[in-house]
Protein backbone atom coordinates (compact mmCIF):
# COMPACT_ATOMS: atom_id res chain seq x y z
CA MET A 1 -10.96 24.11 4.32
CA ALA A 2 -12.89 23.31 7.47
CA TYR A 3 -11.53 21.54 10.53
CA SER A 4 -13.69 19.39 12.76
CA ASN A 5 -13.12 16.59 15.27
CA GLY A 6 -9.46 16.25 14.28
CA CYS A 7 -10.30 15.67 10.59
CA PHE A 8 -10.05 17.93 7.59
CA LEU A 9 -13.36 18.19 5.79
CA VAL A 10 -12.29 18.35 2.17
CA LYS A 11 -14.58 20.51 0.06
CA GLY A 12 -14.23 21.46 -3.59
CA ALA A 13 -13.68 25.18 -3.90
CA ALA A 14 -14.41 25.62 -7.59
CA MET A 15 -17.36 24.94 -9.87
CA MET A 16 -17.20 22.41 -12.69
CA ARG A 17 -16.85 23.70 -16.22
CA THR A 18 -20.35 22.36 -16.68
CA SER A 19 -23.06 22.22 -14.04
CA ARG A 20 -22.30 19.70 -11.30
CA PRO A 21 -24.81 16.83 -11.12
CA ALA A 22 -27.03 16.91 -8.05
CA ASP A 23 -25.94 13.36 -7.13
CA TRP A 24 -22.85 11.95 -8.84
CA THR A 25 -23.49 8.53 -7.29
CA LYS A 26 -26.36 8.10 -9.77
CA LEU A 27 -24.27 8.80 -12.88
CA SER A 28 -23.34 6.00 -15.23
CA GLU A 29 -19.77 4.76 -14.94
CA GLU A 30 -18.84 6.43 -18.22
CA GLU A 31 -20.25 9.75 -17.02
CA LEU A 32 -18.66 9.46 -13.58
CA LEU A 33 -15.21 8.86 -15.07
CA GLN A 34 -15.42 12.28 -16.73
CA VAL A 35 -16.06 14.10 -13.43
CA ARG A 36 -13.09 15.94 -11.91
CA VAL A 37 -12.03 14.58 -8.53
CA ARG A 38 -12.33 17.97 -6.84
CA ASP A 39 -15.94 18.24 -8.03
CA LEU A 40 -16.92 15.12 -6.11
CA ARG A 41 -16.66 17.36 -3.01
CA LEU A 42 -15.67 14.53 -0.74
CA GLU A 43 -15.68 14.92 3.03
CA ILE A 44 -14.37 12.76 5.85
CA ALA A 45 -17.49 13.49 7.89
CA GLY A 46 -20.16 10.96 7.00
CA SER A 47 -17.85 8.86 4.82
CA ALA A 48 -17.10 5.16 5.21
CA VAL A 49 -13.70 5.90 6.79
CA GLU A 50 -14.94 8.25 9.52
CA PRO A 51 -15.66 5.45 12.06
CA LEU A 52 -12.28 3.85 11.29
CA ILE A 53 -10.49 7.12 11.95
CA GLN A 54 -12.37 7.35 15.24
CA ARG A 55 -11.22 3.81 16.04
CA LEU A 56 -7.62 4.92 15.44
CA TYR A 57 -8.14 7.86 17.80
CA ASP A 58 -9.62 5.52 20.42
CA GLU A 59 -6.52 3.34 20.15
CA LEU A 60 -4.31 6.40 20.65
CA ASP A 61 -6.35 7.39 23.71
CA ALA A 62 -6.00 3.88 25.13
CA ALA A 63 -2.23 4.14 24.63
CA GLY A 64 -2.14 7.50 26.43
CA ILE A 65 -1.34 9.51 23.29
CA ARG A 66 -2.93 12.94 23.28
CA PHE A 67 -2.24 13.95 19.68
CA HIS A 68 -4.74 12.80 17.06
CA PRO A 69 -3.29 13.37 13.56
CA PRO A 70 -5.82 15.15 11.33
CA CYS A 71 -7.00 13.14 8.30
CA TYR A 72 -8.03 14.27 4.82
CA PHE A 73 -8.80 12.76 1.42
CA ALA A 74 -5.79 12.65 -0.89
CA ASP A 75 -4.79 10.94 -4.13
CA GLU A 76 -3.25 7.99 -2.25
CA TRP A 77 -2.19 6.78 1.21
CA LEU A 78 0.41 9.20 2.51
CA CYS A 79 1.82 11.28 5.31
CA PRO A 80 3.69 14.23 3.74
CA GLU A 81 7.29 14.37 4.92
CA LYS A 82 7.60 16.23 8.24
CA ILE A 83 3.90 17.20 8.17
CA PRO A 84 1.85 15.39 10.87
CA ILE A 85 -1.32 14.69 8.88
CA ILE A 86 -2.71 11.53 7.27
CA GLY A 87 -3.80 11.41 3.64
CA ILE A 88 -6.42 8.77 2.85
CA PRO A 89 -7.13 7.83 -0.79
CA PHE A 90 -10.33 9.49 -1.97
CA TYR A 91 -11.78 6.27 -3.38
CA LEU A 92 -12.42 5.05 0.17
CA ALA A 93 -14.99 7.81 0.62
CA HIS A 94 -17.79 5.90 -1.12
CA PRO A 95 -18.55 2.31 -2.29
CA ARG A 96 -19.07 3.59 -5.84
CA LEU A 97 -15.55 4.96 -5.97
CA LYS A 98 -14.16 1.75 -4.47
CA ARG A 99 -15.77 -0.24 -7.28
CA ILE A 100 -14.16 1.99 -9.89
CA GLU A 101 -10.77 1.67 -8.14
CA LYS A 102 -11.17 -2.12 -8.20
CA LYS A 103 -12.02 -2.15 -11.89
CA MET A 104 -9.23 0.21 -12.90
CA MET A 105 -6.44 -1.03 -10.60
CA PHE A 106 -7.55 -4.62 -9.82
CA GLU A 107 -7.28 -3.93 -6.09
CA VAL A 108 -8.50 -1.48 -3.44
CA GLU A 109 -5.68 -0.66 -1.03
CA GLY A 110 -7.28 -0.30 2.38
CA GLY A 111 -10.62 -1.48 1.05
CA THR A 112 -11.43 -3.67 4.05
CA GLU A 113 -11.72 -2.56 7.67
CA ARG A 114 -8.70 -4.67 8.63
CA SER A 115 -6.43 -3.40 5.85
CA CYS A 116 -7.59 0.19 6.34
CA MET A 117 -6.77 0.08 10.05
CA LYS A 118 -3.32 -1.35 9.32
CA LEU A 119 -2.60 1.52 6.94
CA LEU A 120 -4.02 4.12 9.32
CA ARG A 121 -1.75 2.88 12.11
CA HIS A 122 1.24 2.96 9.76
CA GLU A 123 0.58 6.53 8.60
CA CYS A 124 -0.11 7.53 12.20
CA GLY A 125 3.41 6.36 13.03
CA HIS A 126 4.80 8.80 10.47
CA ALA A 127 2.59 11.60 11.79
CA LEU A 128 3.74 11.14 15.39
CA ASN A 129 7.35 10.91 14.25
CA TYR A 130 6.98 14.32 12.59
CA ALA A 131 4.78 15.88 15.28
CA TYR A 132 7.44 15.37 17.96
CA ASN A 133 10.63 15.46 15.82
CA LEU A 134 11.54 11.95 16.99
CA TYR A 135 13.64 11.32 13.87
CA SER A 136 16.14 13.94 15.07
CA LYS A 137 16.90 12.09 18.33
CA THR A 138 20.14 10.15 18.72
CA ARG A 139 18.49 6.97 19.99
CA TRP A 140 16.02 7.01 17.07
CA ARG A 141 18.91 7.13 14.60
CA GLN A 142 20.78 4.38 16.43
CA LEU A 143 17.81 2.03 16.22
CA PHE A 144 16.26 2.88 12.85
CA GLY A 145 19.04 4.58 10.89
CA PRO A 146 19.47 8.04 9.37
CA PHE A 147 16.22 9.78 8.50
CA SER A 148 18.10 11.54 5.68
CA ALA A 149 18.73 8.24 3.85
CA ARG A 150 17.49 8.41 0.26
CA TYR A 151 14.38 6.54 -0.79
CA SER A 152 14.80 4.15 -3.69
CA ASP A 153 12.31 2.84 -6.24
CA SER A 154 13.38 -0.66 -5.18
CA TYR A 155 14.91 -2.16 -2.06
CA TYR A 156 16.52 -5.45 -1.18
CA ALA A 157 14.60 -7.04 1.69
CA GLN A 158 15.55 -9.94 3.92
CA PRO A 159 12.19 -11.74 4.23
CA TYR A 160 12.98 -13.66 7.41
CA SER A 161 14.98 -11.04 9.27
CA ARG A 162 14.14 -10.65 12.95
CA ARG A 163 15.52 -7.13 13.03
CA PHE A 164 12.27 -5.81 11.54
CA VAL A 165 8.57 -6.25 12.24
CA ILE A 166 6.18 -7.61 9.61
CA HIS A 167 3.13 -5.38 9.26
CA LEU A 168 2.41 -4.31 5.67
CA GLU A 169 3.24 -6.59 2.74
CA GLY A 170 6.61 -6.62 1.03
CA ASN A 171 8.74 -6.38 4.19
CA TYR A 172 8.05 -2.67 3.96
CA ALA A 173 9.87 -1.86 7.21
CA GLN A 174 13.15 -2.57 5.43
CA CYS A 175 12.84 0.05 2.67
CA HIS A 176 13.75 3.13 4.76
CA PRO A 177 14.36 4.12 8.42
CA ASP A 178 11.20 6.26 8.45
CA GLU A 179 9.13 3.31 7.22
CA ASP A 180 10.81 1.06 9.77
CA PHE A 181 9.64 3.36 12.56
CA ALA A 182 6.11 3.64 11.15
CA GLU A 183 5.79 -0.14 10.79
CA THR A 184 7.16 -0.76 14.28
CA PHE A 185 4.78 1.82 15.74
CA ALA A 186 1.81 0.20 13.96
CA VAL A 187 2.66 -3.19 15.48
CA TRP A 188 3.06 -1.59 18.91
CA LEU A 189 -0.27 0.28 18.69
CA ALA A 190 -2.47 -2.55 17.40
CA PRO A 191 -4.77 -3.79 20.20
CA ASN A 192 -4.12 -7.24 21.67
CA ASN A 193 -1.05 -7.82 19.51
CA ARG A 194 1.08 -9.22 22.37
CA TRP A 195 4.23 -7.76 20.81
CA GLU A 196 6.37 -8.47 23.89
CA ILE A 197 5.62 -12.19 23.64
CA LYS A 198 5.63 -12.50 19.84
CA HIS A 199 9.00 -10.77 19.42
CA ARG A 200 10.72 -11.96 22.59
CA GLY A 201 14.36 -12.72 21.86
CA TRP A 202 14.28 -10.92 18.51
CA PRO A 203 16.61 -7.94 17.87
CA VAL A 204 13.53 -5.90 16.87
CA ILE A 205 12.30 -5.98 20.47
CA LYS A 206 14.66 -3.05 21.18
CA LYS A 207 12.75 -0.92 18.68
CA LEU A 208 9.38 -1.90 20.13
CA ARG A 209 10.51 -1.16 23.67
CA TYR A 210 11.92 2.18 22.54
CA ILE A 211 8.54 3.13 21.09
CA ASP A 212 6.80 1.92 24.23
CA GLY A 213 9.04 4.14 26.36
CA VAL A 214 9.02 7.23 24.16
CA MET A 215 5.23 7.18 23.77
CA GLN A 216 4.83 7.06 27.53
CA LYS A 217 7.11 10.09 27.72
CA ILE A 218 5.52 12.27 25.00
CA GLY A 219 1.98 10.88 24.96
CA GLY A 220 0.51 13.58 27.17
CA GLN A 221 2.40 16.44 25.53
CA ALA A 222 1.10 18.75 22.83
CA PRO A 223 2.75 18.22 19.42
CA LEU A 224 5.74 20.38 18.56
CA ASN A 225 4.61 20.65 14.94
CA VAL A 226 1.15 20.93 13.38
CA ASN A 227 0.01 21.46 9.81
CA GLN A 228 -0.28 25.18 9.00
CA GLY A 229 -1.69 25.19 5.48
CA THR A 230 -3.57 23.26 2.82
CA PRO A 231 -2.46 19.62 2.93
CA PRO A 232 -0.46 18.46 -0.11
CA TRP A 233 -2.04 16.27 -2.80
CA SER A 234 -5.53 16.93 -1.47
CA ALA A 235 -8.46 15.48 -3.41
CA SER A 236 -10.17 18.86 -3.04
CA ARG A 237 -7.60 20.33 -5.43
CA MET A 238 -7.37 17.51 -8.01
CA THR A 239 -8.48 18.99 -11.34
CA SER A 240 -8.07 15.81 -13.39
CA SER A 241 -11.04 13.64 -14.20
CA LEU A 242 -11.28 10.17 -12.71
CA ALA A 243 -10.41 8.70 -16.12
CA ALA A 244 -7.28 10.84 -16.43
CA HIS A 245 -6.30 10.08 -12.84
CA TYR A 246 -6.34 6.32 -13.45
CA ASP A 247 -4.57 6.58 -16.78
CA ARG A 248 -1.74 8.49 -15.10
CA LYS A 249 -1.71 6.17 -12.07
CA ARG A 250 -1.22 3.06 -14.23
CA ARG A 251 1.62 4.71 -16.15
CA VAL A 252 3.39 5.81 -12.96
CA LEU A 253 3.11 2.36 -11.35
CA GLY A 254 4.62 0.62 -14.38
CA THR A 255 5.56 -2.95 -13.47
CA GLU A 256 4.01 -2.49 -10.02
CA PHE A 257 0.60 -2.26 -11.66
CA LYS A 258 -1.06 -5.64 -11.23
CA GLY A 259 -2.23 -5.76 -14.85
CA PHE A 260 1.14 -4.74 -16.31
CA TYR A 261 1.93 -8.22 -17.69
CA ASP A 262 -1.59 -9.03 -18.92
CA ASP A 263 -0.69 -8.65 -22.61
CA SER A 264 2.29 -11.02 -22.25
CA LEU A 265 0.14 -13.61 -20.49
CA LYS A 266 -2.53 -13.37 -23.19
CA GLU A 267 0.14 -14.07 -25.81
CA LEU A 268 1.27 -17.16 -23.91
CA PHE A 269 -2.16 -18.59 -23.11
CA MET A 270 -5.67 -18.75 -24.56
CA VAL A 271 -8.65 -16.74 -23.32
CA ALA A 272 -11.73 -18.69 -22.07
CA HIS A 273 -11.59 -22.06 -23.83
CA SER A 274 -14.68 -24.27 -24.21
CA ASP A 275 -12.85 -27.62 -24.30
CA PRO A 276 -13.36 -29.17 -20.83
CA SER A 277 -10.11 -31.10 -21.15
CA THR A 278 -8.08 -27.90 -21.47
CA THR A 279 -6.06 -26.98 -18.37
CA ARG A 280 -6.52 -23.57 -16.80
CA ALA A 281 -3.32 -21.53 -17.04
CA SER A 282 -3.45 -20.78 -13.31
CA GLU A 283 -3.58 -24.50 -12.54
CA LEU A 284 -0.69 -25.19 -14.92
CA LEU A 285 1.42 -22.59 -13.09
CA ARG A 286 0.33 -23.95 -9.72
CA GLN A 287 1.35 -27.51 -10.68
CA ASN A 288 4.72 -26.38 -12.04
CA ARG A 289 5.41 -23.51 -9.67
CA ARG A 290 8.27 -25.25 -7.88
CA GLN A 291 9.91 -26.33 -11.15
CA ILE A 292 9.65 -22.83 -12.65
CA THR A 293 10.98 -21.22 -9.47
CA THR A 294 13.93 -23.62 -9.25
CA SER A 295 14.85 -23.22 -12.93
CA VAL A 296 14.75 -19.43 -12.90
CA THR A 297 16.64 -19.24 -9.61
CA LYS A 298 19.34 -21.58 -10.91
CA TRP A 299 20.05 -19.65 -14.10
CA THR A 300 19.52 -16.07 -12.92
CA GLY A 301 20.91 -16.14 -9.37
CA HIS A 302 17.81 -14.49 -7.92
CA ARG A 303 16.29 -15.52 -4.61
CA LYS A 304 13.71 -18.29 -4.58
CA TYR A 305 11.46 -16.17 -2.39
CA ASP A 306 11.28 -13.37 -4.98
CA ILE A 307 10.74 -15.73 -7.92
CA TYR A 308 8.09 -17.70 -6.06
CA GLN A 309 6.20 -14.49 -5.27
CA LEU A 310 6.44 -13.39 -8.91
CA VAL A 311 5.03 -16.71 -10.15
CA ASN A 312 2.18 -16.35 -7.65
CA ARG A 313 1.46 -12.88 -8.99
CA LEU A 314 1.29 -14.14 -12.59
CA LEU A 315 -0.82 -17.10 -11.45
CA ALA A 316 -3.33 -14.74 -9.87
CA ARG A 317 -3.57 -12.66 -13.05
CA CYS A 318 -4.15 -15.82 -15.14
CA GLU A 319 -7.02 -16.66 -12.79
CA VAL A 320 -8.58 -13.21 -13.17
CA LEU A 321 -8.15 -13.19 -16.97
CA ASP A 322 -9.59 -16.73 -17.26
CA LEU A 323 -6.65 -17.98 -19.34
CA TYR A 324 -6.11 -21.56 -20.49
CA ALA A 325 -3.10 -23.59 -21.58
CA ARG A 326 -2.59 -24.46 -25.22
CA GLN A 327 -2.40 -28.00 -26.58
CA ASN A 328 1.32 -28.29 -25.93
CA GLU A 329 1.65 -27.56 -22.21
CA THR A 330 5.42 -28.10 -22.34
CA ASP A 331 5.77 -25.09 -24.63
CA ASP A 332 3.61 -23.09 -22.26
CA ILE A 333 5.85 -23.98 -19.32
CA ILE A 334 8.95 -23.03 -21.30
CA GLY A 335 7.29 -19.77 -22.33
CA VAL A 336 6.22 -18.75 -18.85
CA THR A 337 9.64 -19.72 -17.44
CA ALA A 338 11.27 -17.41 -19.99
CA LEU A 339 8.80 -14.66 -19.10
CA VAL A 340 9.54 -15.01 -15.38
CA ALA A 341 13.30 -15.00 -16.02
CA THR A 342 13.00 -11.85 -18.15
CA ILE A 343 10.90 -10.03 -15.56
CA ALA A 344 13.28 -11.08 -12.79
CA SER A 345 16.33 -9.87 -14.71
CA ASN A 346 14.72 -6.47 -15.24
CA THR A 347 13.31 -6.16 -11.72
CA PHE A 348 15.29 -7.98 -9.03
CA ARG A 349 18.84 -7.77 -7.80
CA VAL A 350 21.03 -10.85 -7.77
CA SER A 351 20.86 -12.67 -4.43
CA THR A 352 23.71 -12.43 -1.94
CA LYS A 353 24.24 -14.35 1.28
CA HIS A 354 22.72 -12.78 4.37
CA SER A 355 21.84 -13.72 7.90
CA PRO A 356 18.27 -13.40 9.28
């Protein structure tokens, strides 16, 4: 494991069972999927993310923060708990791997410069939190909550709350105190974000001002903690093939996998119909989105916001799958309403009154 310019250079330490191809980027997709991740021998240096990491470091310099969290390729976006390093998903190392990620998972998290920078700032917030033990401070706990709070597979967010910033999707700041800090830091760090003006009068301004003050205090100091060993979940140690990696990833994500409900949608609608008078399933859902949302909300007690987002998710999958309504559109609407209600009952909590 080499260390250069604040970044881990991840290098495979073992040979493949068979001879490693001279250039895996020229393999067919079928052949590439059989290559073990570690044998791709991915490095930060020279990769597509290297200039974005440097941009993050430039932003830290501009904010007066001396510590630059080291970065390495991992199996997903992460900052290991209490270890001040940033794991970047290995598929961002090369356009070929991004295309496979897109095909297998229907999305590339951090695949654009804008989304990648947002995630880098978020993970950087975790890294600084751990580097300086901020989570152990009384004021940190007063503002963000106990760091020891348990993570949950699901969380009940208040979409319009002004006690939290909005940075990543899904009101992510609300899922745990550590994520709240990381999200708030990311908003504070982003250039030209005018956070003082945008959040003036909001309760969350106390958190932003706390970060502004504490970063001025510790910015010039050396970190109290640094990584001492091989970073966890490193791509350089992943012995599974790309195919096995994606098979496991889809199983672990379950309902969070974008294609999880594809089979149900294909049962409801038709695939690629030649009749020009046939309505696209996505358009049918778009036209009846409000009706479906209202009906499901009425009979299940779930929040309109959650149901509306779920319908939008199914609508997007219908668009990708090129699905069409059947002859009796009323039956289709009844069917998709039942599907949405079933998913909601198995996924969401019943709504309760809350203040923003």
